Amino acid sequence: LIESGADGMLIQMVNRPEQVRALIDDIKYPPLGKRSYGVNRAQAYGFDFDYYINHWNDQSIFLIQVESIEAVNNIESLLQFDEVDGVMIGPLDISGSLGVPGQTNHPLVIEASKKVIAACEKYGKSCGTQVADSTEESINALFDLGHTYAILGSDLFVLWKWAEKMNTIIKKMKS
């Protein structure tokens, strides 16, 4: 993706600091990382090579997705890397790793989210999540919790809600 011109990366299931270091090596140019200088679309096939390689490290965005209790417990060590710009919390996966799958508002999931949010605040990192059912109440609750951003939907959630609605209609028609 970065070779195609993405402005950064959001990497799922980052649990340990060794993973963060390896990801930095893959996406940042030396001296921060070990990314290849090969000509690609992101540099306009070489026409913007000098500008791109000299500005990528500072201008690119690197977000990690915290989706397990292991990542929650390691959050301080994950955020110690200056190259990490922020975190996206995955409450659905965290709920599964805590033994309460699908219960994204369970006290254990909220407690885990608060731990990540507090660490992000401490390290000056952005912290957000994705909202499956965007309502004014659900959005306000996230920001009240301390999130600094929220993704307010996706094609997956739109299709899911549509499918639920269609399923309800079909069941009513069958009765």
Protein backbone atom coordinates (compact mmCIF):
# COMPACT_ATOMS: atom_id res chain seq x y z
CA LEU A 1 0.00 0.00 0.00
CA ILE A 2 2.67 2.53 0.84
CA GLU A 3 4.38 1.84 -2.47
CA SER A 4 1.08 2.81 -4.16
CA GLY A 5 0.97 6.17 -2.41
CA ALA A 6 -0.89 5.73 0.90
CA ASP A 7 -0.19 8.50 3.40
CA GLY A 8 0.50 6.01 6.12
CA MET A 9 -0.42 2.71 7.65
CA LEU A 10 -2.91 1.41 10.20
CA ILE A 11 -1.60 -1.99 11.26
CA GLN A 12 -3.88 -4.51 12.95
CA MET A 13 -3.14 -6.77 15.92
CA VAL A 14 0.02 -5.13 17.18
CA ASN A 15 0.75 -6.73 20.54
CA ARG A 16 4.46 -6.46 21.33
CA PRO A 17 7.20 -3.83 21.01
CA GLU A 18 9.22 -6.13 18.72
CA GLN A 19 6.34 -5.95 16.24
CA VAL A 20 6.37 -2.15 16.37
CA ARG A 21 10.12 -2.08 15.72
CA ALA A 22 9.75 -4.47 12.76
CA LEU A 23 6.90 -2.38 11.33
CA ILE A 24 8.96 0.81 11.61
CA ASP A 25 11.77 -0.97 9.78
CA ASP A 26 9.32 -1.88 7.01
CA ILE A 27 7.61 1.49 6.52
CA LYS A 28 10.23 4.13 7.34
CA TYR A 29 13.33 4.99 5.36
CA PRO A 30 16.80 4.95 6.95
CA PRO A 31 17.91 6.12 9.41
CA LEU A 32 14.55 5.42 11.15
CA GLY A 33 13.78 2.19 9.33
CA LYS A 34 14.98 -0.10 6.59
CA ARG A 35 12.44 0.55 3.83
CA SER A 36 13.68 -0.03 0.30
CA TYR A 37 14.37 2.96 -1.94
CA GLY A 38 13.01 1.17 -5.00
CA VAL A 39 11.18 3.34 -7.52
CA ASN A 40 7.40 3.01 -7.23
CA ARG A 41 4.06 4.73 -7.80
CA ALA A 42 4.23 6.66 -4.50
CA GLN A 43 7.21 8.63 -5.88
CA ALA A 44 5.56 9.14 -9.29
CA TYR A 45 7.78 6.35 -10.63
CA GLY A 46 10.90 8.31 -9.80
CA PHE A 47 9.82 11.81 -10.85
CA ASP A 48 9.24 12.81 -7.19
CA PHE A 49 11.87 10.45 -5.78
CA ASP A 50 13.99 13.02 -3.91
CA TYR A 51 11.03 14.85 -2.37
CA TYR A 52 9.24 11.63 -1.38
CA ILE A 53 12.18 9.88 0.29
CA ASN A 54 13.24 13.08 2.08
CA HIS A 55 9.77 13.83 3.50
CA TRP A 56 8.11 10.43 4.00
CA ASN A 57 9.49 9.74 7.47
CA ASP A 58 8.13 13.04 8.82
CA GLN A 59 4.89 13.24 6.84
CA SER A 60 3.65 9.65 6.97
CA ILE A 61 1.20 8.39 9.58
CA PHE A 62 1.73 5.20 11.53
CA LEU A 63 -1.17 3.96 13.65
CA ILE A 64 -1.28 0.68 15.53
CA GLN A 65 -4.47 -1.19 16.26
CA VAL A 66 -4.79 -2.45 19.83
CA GLU A 67 -7.12 -5.44 19.69
CA SER A 68 -6.08 -7.82 22.47
CA ILE A 69 -5.55 -7.77 26.20
CA GLU A 70 -1.88 -8.54 25.47
CA ALA A 71 -1.61 -5.25 23.57
CA VAL A 72 -3.50 -3.42 26.32
CA ASN A 73 -1.09 -4.79 28.92
CA ASN A 74 1.88 -3.79 26.72
CA ILE A 75 0.52 -0.37 25.73
CA GLU A 76 3.25 1.65 27.45
CA SER A 77 6.01 -0.22 25.63
CA LEU A 78 4.12 0.04 22.31
CA LEU A 79 3.82 3.81 22.60
CA GLN A 80 7.44 4.49 23.52
CA PHE A 81 8.31 4.64 19.81
CA ASP A 82 8.23 8.20 18.48
CA GLU A 83 7.27 6.85 15.06
CA VAL A 84 3.89 5.63 16.38
CA ASP A 85 1.45 8.49 15.81
CA GLY A 86 -1.56 6.94 17.44
CA VAL A 87 -3.73 4.00 18.29
CA MET A 88 -7.02 2.63 17.12
CA ILE A 89 -8.73 0.54 19.77
CA GLY A 90 -10.59 -2.54 18.53
CA PRO A 91 -13.20 -3.18 21.24
CA LEU A 92 -14.78 -6.16 19.47
CA ASP A 93 -11.49 -8.07 19.39
CA ILE A 94 -10.60 -6.90 22.90
CA SER A 95 -13.94 -8.25 24.11
CA GLY A 96 -13.06 -11.63 22.62
CA SER A 97 -9.62 -11.68 24.20
CA LEU A 98 -11.23 -10.91 27.57
CA GLY A 99 -13.69 -13.80 27.26
CA VAL A 100 -16.75 -11.62 26.65
CA PRO A 101 -16.98 -11.74 22.83
CA GLY A 102 -19.22 -9.12 21.26
CA GLN A 103 -19.79 -7.26 24.53
CA THR A 104 -18.02 -4.05 23.56
CA ASN A 105 -19.61 -2.12 26.44
CA HIS A 106 -18.64 -4.72 29.05
CA PRO A 107 -16.86 -3.14 32.07
CA LEU A 108 -13.69 -5.15 31.28
CA VAL A 109 -13.59 -3.74 27.73
CA ILE A 110 -14.23 -0.19 28.97
CA GLU A 111 -11.50 -0.61 31.61
CA ALA A 112 -9.06 -1.85 28.94
CA SER A 113 -9.98 1.05 26.64
CA LYS A 114 -9.43 3.55 29.48
CA LYS A 115 -5.96 2.10 30.07
CA VAL A 116 -5.06 2.58 26.40
CA ILE A 117 -6.56 6.08 26.30
CA ALA A 118 -4.60 7.11 29.41
CA ALA A 119 -1.35 5.80 27.94
CA CYS A 120 -2.00 7.65 24.68
CA GLU A 121 -2.60 10.84 26.64
CA LYS A 122 0.64 10.30 28.57
CA TYR A 123 2.66 9.82 25.37
CA GLY A 124 0.86 12.54 23.36
CA LYS A 125 -0.60 10.06 20.86
CA SER A 126 -3.93 10.15 19.12
CA CYS A 127 -6.42 7.48 20.25
CA GLY A 128 -9.63 6.45 18.57
CA THR A 129 -11.94 3.67 17.60
CA GLN A 130 -14.56 2.72 15.04
CA VAL A 131 -18.27 3.08 15.73
CA ALA A 132 -20.52 0.32 14.43
CA ASP A 133 -23.79 2.13 15.10
CA SER A 134 -23.18 5.87 14.89
CA THR A 135 -25.58 7.83 17.04
CA GLU A 136 -25.06 11.15 18.75
CA GLU A 137 -25.12 9.32 22.09
CA SER A 138 -22.56 6.67 21.07
CA ILE A 139 -20.22 9.28 19.58
CA ASN A 140 -20.42 11.54 22.63
CA ALA A 141 -19.76 8.55 24.90
CA LEU A 142 -16.50 7.83 23.03
CA PHE A 143 -15.24 11.38 23.31
CA ASP A 144 -16.34 11.53 26.97
CA LEU A 145 -14.21 8.42 27.52
CA GLY A 146 -11.20 10.31 26.12
CA HIS A 147 -10.91 9.23 22.49
CA THR A 148 -9.44 11.90 20.22
CA TYR A 149 -11.02 10.58 17.01
CA ALA A 150 -13.72 8.19 15.86
CA ILE A 151 -14.31 6.44 12.55
CA LEU A 152 -18.05 6.82 12.15
CA GLY A 153 -18.81 3.87 9.95
CA SER A 154 -17.57 1.69 7.16
CA ASP A 155 -18.91 -0.27 4.24
CA LEU A 156 -18.92 -3.34 6.48
CA PHE A 157 -21.14 -1.71 9.10
CA VAL A 158 -23.46 -0.22 6.48
CA LEU A 159 -23.92 -3.66 4.86
CA TRP A 160 -24.37 -5.30 8.25
CA LYS A 161 -27.13 -2.87 9.28
CA TRP A 162 -28.79 -3.21 5.88
CA ALA A 163 -28.68 -7.01 6.13
CA GLU A 164 -30.21 -6.87 9.62
CA LYS A 165 -33.03 -4.69 8.29
CA MET A 166 -33.65 -6.98 5.32
CA ASN A 167 -33.60 -10.04 7.58
CA THR A 168 -36.27 -8.45 9.79
CA ILE A 169 -38.42 -7.60 6.77
CA ILE A 170 -38.12 -11.13 5.34
CA LYS A 171 -39.00 -12.73 8.69
CA LYS A 172 -42.09 -10.49 8.98
CA MET A 173 -43.17 -11.42 5.46
CA LYS A 174 -42.81 -15.16 6.21
CA SER A 175 -45.10 -14.92 9.26
